[in-house]
Structures are given as C-alpha cells and as structure tokens.
Amino acid sequence: MPSIKTITVSLPVAMGKEIEKVAKEEHRTVSELIREAFRRYQSQRNLKDLAAEGKRAAKKKKLTPKDFGGPFQE
C-alpha cells in the first residue's frame, strides 16, 4: 500500500502562480508548501477545539474569568 495519497486541487490561476513563486523562493516543492499550510490549519483548528472544550468545562463548573486571574480576569 502506498504511503502517499495524491490529491488534485483546483485553484484560481493567480493563487496557483503565487504558490509556485513562494515554493521556488523557499526552495521547496508545492506539495511541501501545501502540507505545511494544512498542518498549520489543523493546529489552529485543534487549538480552537481545545479552547471550546475548556469553555464548556469552565461553564459546567460555574467558573468565571475571575477564578483564573491574570490575563483571563476581566
């Protein structure tokens, strides 16, 4: 079984050219640039999910920003 999944993506021409330009400037492949972009997207998504989970847990325990102090305090 192959360890690589090939996916075809359609982009506006200008975006495709910009991606190729950035990849060339950074001496990377377009594939690596797209992989990195997706990893960053996933990280942000995971952080948002974690923050939402924390808010739900704090609400369930009836905690307020004052209970946390520091930058959370209003």
Protein backbone atom coordinates (compact mmCIF):
# COMPACT_ATOMS: atom_id res chain seq x y z
CA MET A 1 0.00 0.00 0.00
CA PRO A 2 1.45 3.42 -0.95
CA SER A 3 2.37 5.85 1.83
CA ILE A 4 1.42 8.85 -0.32
CA LYS A 5 -2.09 10.00 -1.24
CA THR A 6 -2.24 12.14 -4.37
CA ILE A 7 -4.96 14.78 -4.40
CA THR A 8 -5.81 17.10 -7.28
CA VAL A 9 -6.76 20.63 -6.24
CA SER A 10 -8.22 23.39 -8.42
CA LEU A 11 -7.10 26.93 -7.64
CA PRO A 12 -7.55 30.31 -9.25
CA VAL A 13 -4.66 30.93 -11.67
CA ALA A 14 -3.25 33.83 -9.64
CA MET A 15 -3.20 31.75 -6.44
CA GLY A 16 -1.52 28.85 -8.22
CA LYS A 17 1.18 31.15 -9.57
CA GLU A 18 1.72 32.69 -6.13
CA ILE A 19 2.07 29.26 -4.54
CA GLU A 20 4.62 28.23 -7.16
CA LYS A 21 6.51 31.51 -6.66
CA VAL A 22 6.69 31.10 -2.87
CA ALA A 23 7.73 27.45 -3.17
CA LYS A 24 10.52 28.41 -5.58
CA GLU A 25 11.70 31.28 -3.33
CA GLU A 26 11.83 28.91 -0.36
CA HIS A 27 13.46 26.08 -2.36
CA ARG A 28 10.58 23.74 -1.57
CA THR A 29 8.07 21.80 -3.57
CA VAL A 30 4.50 22.97 -3.94
CA SER A 31 3.45 19.76 -2.21
CA GLU A 32 5.56 20.54 0.87
CA LEU A 33 4.20 24.09 1.00
CA ILE A 34 0.62 22.79 0.87
CA ARG A 35 1.40 20.11 3.50
CA GLU A 36 2.76 22.79 5.84
CA ALA A 37 -0.27 25.01 5.25
CA PHE A 38 -2.56 22.11 6.13
CA ARG A 39 -0.54 21.24 9.26
CA ARG A 40 -0.87 24.86 10.43
CA TYR A 41 -4.59 24.85 9.66
CA GLN A 42 -5.01 21.63 11.66
CA SER A 43 -3.06 23.10 14.59
CA GLN A 44 -5.30 26.18 14.67
CA ARG A 45 -8.38 24.00 14.42
CA ASN A 46 -7.18 21.81 17.28
CA LEU A 47 -6.50 24.90 19.43
CA LYS A 48 -10.00 26.23 18.75
CA ASP A 49 -11.50 22.85 19.67
CA LEU A 50 -9.45 22.74 22.87
CA ALA A 51 -10.47 26.30 23.79
CA ALA A 52 -14.14 25.45 23.23
CA GLU A 53 -13.77 22.32 25.37
CA GLY A 54 -12.18 24.41 28.13
CA LYS A 55 -15.01 26.96 27.98
CA ARG A 56 -17.60 24.21 28.26
CA ALA A 57 -15.78 22.65 31.22
CA ALA A 58 -15.45 26.03 32.97
CA LYS A 59 -19.14 26.78 32.39
CA LYS A 60 -20.12 23.36 33.74
CA LYS A 61 -18.07 24.04 36.89
CA LYS A 62 -19.53 27.57 37.05
CA LEU A 63 -16.10 29.16 36.85
CA THR A 64 -15.68 32.78 35.80
CA PRO A 65 -12.65 34.64 34.35
CA LYS A 66 -12.06 36.00 37.86
CA ASP A 67 -11.43 32.42 39.08
CA PHE A 68 -8.46 32.18 36.71
CA GLY A 69 -6.87 35.58 37.38
CA GLY A 70 -4.09 37.01 35.25
CA PRO A 71 -4.90 37.70 31.60
CA PHE A 72 -8.26 35.92 31.92
CA GLN A 73 -9.53 38.33 34.54
CA GLU A 74 -11.94 40.94 33.22
